[in-house]
Protein backbone atom coordinates (compact mmCIF):
# COMPACT_ATOMS: atom_id res chain seq x y z
CA UNK A 1 30.63 -23.70 -168.74
CA UNK A 2 31.29 -27.37 -167.93
CA UNK A 3 28.80 -29.68 -166.24
CA UNK A 4 29.30 -33.30 -165.26
CA UNK A 5 27.04 -35.67 -163.37
CA UNK A 6 29.11 -37.12 -160.52
CA UNK A 7 26.64 -39.60 -159.07
CA UNK A 8 22.99 -40.60 -159.18
CA UNK A 9 20.69 -43.01 -157.39
CA UNK A 10 21.08 -46.43 -159.07
CA UNK A 11 18.07 -47.69 -161.07
CA UNK A 12 16.21 -44.38 -160.65
CA UNK A 13 13.16 -45.41 -162.68
CA UNK A 14 12.67 -48.55 -160.60
CA UNK A 15 13.08 -46.58 -157.37
CA UNK A 16 10.40 -44.07 -158.38
CA UNK A 17 8.12 -46.83 -159.68
CA UNK A 18 8.33 -48.77 -156.41
CA UNK A 19 7.64 -45.57 -154.50
CA UNK A 20 4.49 -45.04 -156.59
CA UNK A 21 3.28 -48.63 -156.27
CA UNK A 22 3.92 -48.82 -152.53
CA UNK A 23 1.42 -46.02 -151.94
CA UNK A 24 -1.41 -47.99 -153.54
CA UNK A 25 -0.43 -51.65 -153.13
CA UNK A 26 -1.28 -54.17 -150.43
CA UNK A 27 2.06 -55.80 -151.25
CA UNK A 28 5.20 -54.20 -149.81
CA UNK A 29 7.97 -52.76 -152.01
CA UNK A 30 10.24 -55.79 -151.47
CA UNK A 31 7.67 -58.17 -152.96
CA UNK A 32 6.54 -55.99 -155.84
CA UNK A 33 6.98 -57.76 -159.16
CA UNK A 34 9.32 -56.36 -161.77
CA UNK A 35 7.68 -54.45 -164.59
CA UNK A 36 8.82 -53.44 -168.05
CA UNK A 37 10.22 -49.94 -168.57
CA UNK A 38 7.07 -48.95 -170.48
CA UNK A 39 4.85 -50.13 -167.61
CA UNK A 40 6.93 -48.25 -165.05
CA UNK A 41 6.89 -45.08 -167.15
CA UNK A 42 3.11 -45.32 -167.58
CA UNK A 43 2.55 -45.37 -163.82
CA UNK A 44 5.13 -42.67 -163.10
CA UNK A 45 3.66 -40.42 -165.79
CA UNK A 46 0.20 -40.69 -164.29
CA UNK A 47 1.54 -40.06 -160.81
CA UNK A 48 3.39 -36.92 -161.90
CA UNK A 49 0.35 -35.60 -163.78
CA UNK A 50 -1.76 -36.10 -160.66
CA UNK A 51 0.63 -33.86 -158.72
CA UNK A 52 1.93 -36.65 -156.46
CA UNK A 53 5.54 -35.50 -156.79
CA UNK A 54 6.89 -36.72 -153.43
CA UNK A 55 7.81 -40.06 -155.05
CA UNK A 56 10.48 -38.22 -157.07
CA UNK A 57 12.35 -37.32 -153.89
CA UNK A 58 13.76 -40.84 -153.54
CA UNK A 59 16.15 -40.20 -156.45
CA UNK A 60 19.07 -37.81 -156.03
CA UNK A 61 21.71 -36.54 -158.44
CA UNK A 62 25.02 -34.77 -157.87
CA UNK A 63 26.58 -32.43 -160.43
CA UNK A 64 30.04 -30.85 -160.77
CA UNK A 65 29.67 -27.32 -162.15
CA UNK A 66 32.53 -25.17 -163.47
CA UNK A 67 32.84 -21.98 -165.48
CA UNK A 68 29.79 -20.14 -164.16
CA UNK A 69 29.53 -16.68 -162.64
CA UNK A 70 28.81 -15.65 -159.08
CA UNK A 71 25.75 -13.91 -160.53
CA UNK A 72 24.44 -17.33 -161.54
CA UNK A 73 25.19 -19.00 -158.21
CA UNK A 74 23.46 -16.18 -156.32
CA UNK A 75 20.32 -17.25 -158.21
CA UNK A 76 21.00 -20.97 -157.91
CA UNK A 77 21.39 -21.15 -154.13
CA UNK A 78 17.96 -19.58 -153.66
CA UNK A 79 16.63 -23.07 -154.38
CA UNK A 80 17.15 -24.26 -150.83
CA UNK A 81 16.09 -27.92 -151.11
CA UNK A 82 19.55 -28.81 -152.36
CA UNK A 83 23.13 -29.09 -151.12
CA UNK A 84 25.87 -26.80 -152.43
CA UNK A 85 29.64 -26.85 -151.89
CA UNK A 86 31.17 -23.83 -153.63
CA UNK A 87 34.73 -22.63 -154.19
CA UNK A 88 35.52 -20.18 -151.39
CA UNK A 89 36.78 -16.70 -152.23
CA UNK A 90 37.86 -16.46 -148.60
CA UNK A 91 40.26 -19.38 -148.66
CA UNK A 92 41.24 -19.36 -152.35
CA UNK A 93 43.91 -16.75 -152.98
CA UNK A 94 43.88 -15.99 -156.71
CA UNK A 95 47.37 -14.45 -156.58
CA UNK A 96 49.35 -16.66 -154.20
CA UNK A 97 52.76 -17.42 -155.69
CA UNK A 98 51.79 -15.84 -159.03
CA UNK A 99 52.75 -12.72 -160.90
CA UNK A 100 49.17 -11.98 -161.98
CA UNK A 101 45.65 -12.50 -160.67
CA UNK A 102 44.64 -15.99 -161.78
CA UNK A 103 40.87 -15.64 -161.91
CA UNK A 104 38.45 -15.78 -164.83
CA UNK A 105 35.40 -13.64 -165.48
CA UNK A 106 32.25 -14.55 -167.39
CA UNK A 107 31.44 -12.24 -170.31
CA UNK A 108 27.76 -11.99 -171.36
CA UNK A 109 27.07 -12.46 -175.07
CA UNK A 110 25.47 -9.01 -175.32
CA UNK A 111 28.78 -7.50 -174.25
CA UNK A 112 30.89 -9.83 -176.42
CA UNK A 113 29.13 -8.77 -179.61
CA UNK A 114 29.35 -5.04 -178.83
CA UNK A 115 32.92 -3.84 -179.48
CA UNK A 116 32.60 -0.68 -177.40
CA UNK A 117 31.00 -2.51 -174.48
CA UNK A 118 33.57 -5.31 -174.63
CA UNK A 119 36.42 -2.82 -174.54
CA UNK A 120 34.99 -1.09 -171.45
CA UNK A 121 34.36 -4.46 -169.81
CA UNK A 122 37.90 -5.72 -170.42
CA UNK A 123 39.45 -2.48 -169.18
CA UNK A 124 37.50 -2.71 -165.94
CA UNK A 125 38.30 -6.42 -165.46
CA UNK A 126 42.03 -5.75 -165.89
CA UNK A 127 41.82 -2.92 -163.35
CA UNK A 128 40.03 -5.22 -160.89
CA UNK A 129 42.72 -7.90 -161.35
CA UNK A 130 45.45 -5.30 -160.79
CA UNK A 131 43.76 -3.92 -157.67
CA UNK A 132 43.11 -7.40 -156.23
CA UNK A 133 46.78 -8.35 -156.62
CA UNK A 134 47.87 -5.03 -155.12
CA UNK A 135 45.70 -5.63 -152.06
CA UNK A 136 47.13 -9.13 -151.62
CA UNK A 137 50.70 -7.86 -152.11
CA UNK A 138 50.33 -5.23 -149.38
CA UNK A 139 49.05 -7.80 -146.91
CA UNK A 140 45.27 -7.61 -147.22
CA UNK A 141 43.85 -11.11 -146.59
CA UNK A 142 42.03 -12.82 -149.46
CA UNK A 143 38.81 -12.78 -147.43
CA UNK A 144 38.88 -8.97 -147.56
CA UNK A 145 40.47 -8.48 -150.99
CA UNK A 146 37.57 -10.44 -152.49
CA UNK A 147 35.21 -7.54 -151.73
CA UNK A 148 36.25 -5.89 -155.01
CA UNK A 149 35.48 -8.98 -157.13
CA UNK A 150 32.32 -8.58 -159.27
CA UNK A 151 29.32 -10.83 -159.97
CA UNK A 152 31.10 -11.85 -163.17
CA UNK A 153 33.79 -13.74 -161.23
CA UNK A 154 34.00 -17.37 -162.36
CA UNK A 155 33.26 -20.01 -159.74
CA UNK A 156 32.97 -23.77 -159.28
CA UNK A 157 30.68 -25.91 -157.15
CA UNK A 158 29.14 -29.29 -156.43
CA UNK A 159 25.34 -29.43 -156.33
CA UNK A 160 23.10 -32.26 -155.13
CA UNK A 161 19.33 -32.26 -155.65
CA UNK A 162 16.62 -34.84 -155.33
CA UNK A 163 14.70 -35.28 -158.55
CA UNK A 164 11.57 -33.53 -157.31
CA UNK A 165 13.57 -30.37 -156.69
CA UNK A 166 15.41 -30.77 -159.99
CA UNK A 167 12.04 -31.16 -161.76
CA UNK A 168 10.72 -28.02 -160.04
CA UNK A 169 13.82 -25.86 -160.49
CA UNK A 170 14.20 -26.87 -164.14
CA UNK A 171 10.61 -25.81 -164.82
CA UNK A 172 11.54 -22.32 -163.59
CA UNK A 173 15.09 -21.99 -164.89
CA UNK A 174 14.49 -23.44 -168.36
CA UNK A 175 11.82 -20.78 -168.90
CA UNK A 176 12.97 -18.26 -171.52
CA UNK A 177 12.16 -15.51 -169.02
CA UNK A 178 15.05 -16.72 -166.85
CA UNK A 179 18.52 -15.20 -167.35
CA UNK A 180 20.54 -16.72 -170.20
CA UNK A 181 23.33 -18.19 -168.08
CA UNK A 182 21.11 -20.21 -165.76
CA UNK A 183 18.99 -21.36 -168.74
CA UNK A 184 22.22 -22.66 -170.30
CA UNK A 185 23.18 -24.35 -167.02
CA UNK A 186 19.95 -26.30 -166.73
CA UNK A 187 20.04 -27.16 -170.42
CA UNK A 188 23.42 -28.82 -169.80
CA UNK A 189 22.16 -30.47 -166.62
CA UNK A 190 19.33 -31.97 -168.67
CA UNK A 191 21.89 -33.43 -171.10
CA UNK A 192 23.75 -35.01 -168.19
CA UNK A 193 20.54 -36.51 -166.78
CA UNK A 194 19.88 -37.92 -170.27
CA UNK A 195 23.00 -40.08 -169.79
CA UNK A 196 21.39 -41.63 -166.71
CA UNK A 197 17.79 -41.96 -167.88
CA UNK A 198 16.17 -40.60 -171.04
CA UNK A 199 12.66 -40.58 -169.58
CA UNK A 200 13.63 -38.57 -166.49
CA UNK A 201 15.56 -36.12 -168.67
CA UNK A 202 12.41 -35.58 -170.76
CA UNK A 203 10.60 -34.37 -167.62
CA UNK A 204 13.02 -31.44 -167.25
CA UNK A 205 11.34 -28.73 -169.29
CA UNK A 206 9.95 -25.18 -168.97
CA UNK A 207 6.89 -24.89 -166.74
CA UNK A 208 4.70 -23.79 -169.66
CA UNK A 209 5.19 -27.22 -171.23
CA UNK A 210 4.07 -28.88 -168.00
CA UNK A 211 1.16 -26.49 -167.45
CA UNK A 212 0.05 -26.10 -171.06
CA UNK A 213 -0.03 -22.32 -170.61
CA UNK A 214 2.18 -19.43 -169.46
CA UNK A 215 1.79 -18.02 -165.94
CA UNK A 216 4.42 -15.27 -166.34
CA UNK A 217 3.23 -11.65 -166.49
CA UNK A 218 5.52 -11.11 -169.49
CA UNK A 219 5.26 -14.13 -171.76
CA UNK A 220 7.99 -15.06 -174.26
CA UNK A 221 5.18 -15.75 -176.74
CA UNK A 222 5.38 -19.55 -176.80
CA UNK A 223 2.11 -19.72 -174.83
CA UNK A 224 -0.44 -17.00 -174.18
CA UNK A 225 -0.65 -15.89 -170.55
CA UNK A 226 -3.19 -17.91 -168.59
CA UNK A 227 -4.54 -19.90 -171.53
CA UNK A 228 -3.97 -23.50 -172.53
CA UNK A 229 -2.98 -24.54 -176.01
């Protein structure tokens, strides 16, 4: 899995700070005086804690994502306040001009560490590759041959989110109750955000750390269900 931040709103902390101040200041955003990073963070922190999250929407970030499964992206695109451009299985022919099917498949760690399971998995994947190429070779279009490709099929995409949505989605997908692959994805996204702004990266955390308690029916044990502390 490879993640890279492609672009981000310049001076994100200042943008969010001015958004916060504008709501409560008689002076317009153009005339607001510059503040130190600590002063900006203090105001932003208080605003986030008060639930006034709309100010975070003025900052957007775009990520290049590679080496993830279709199972993951089926979960990811459910978060609709974002823009996604994903590699098409309709227009990408994994066999065109090649002797074999040039497509990768993601292998879960539980399968990797089980020799019997891994053997079964690899046998099935090789059969799928063979069948896909056979369909292409006998004239079946890629848009129809793709119907035999599994959730494990590797894919690539570009994703853009404003920071409010990134804050919200991270709180859900960094939870240990989420599936391992999407937890790993948002862990790597957090590391990329860290390159842009350390404070904003620190806000990307499991919801229990924001709430101070767990609201999942089946807790991982870090926090007791429905209780703070």
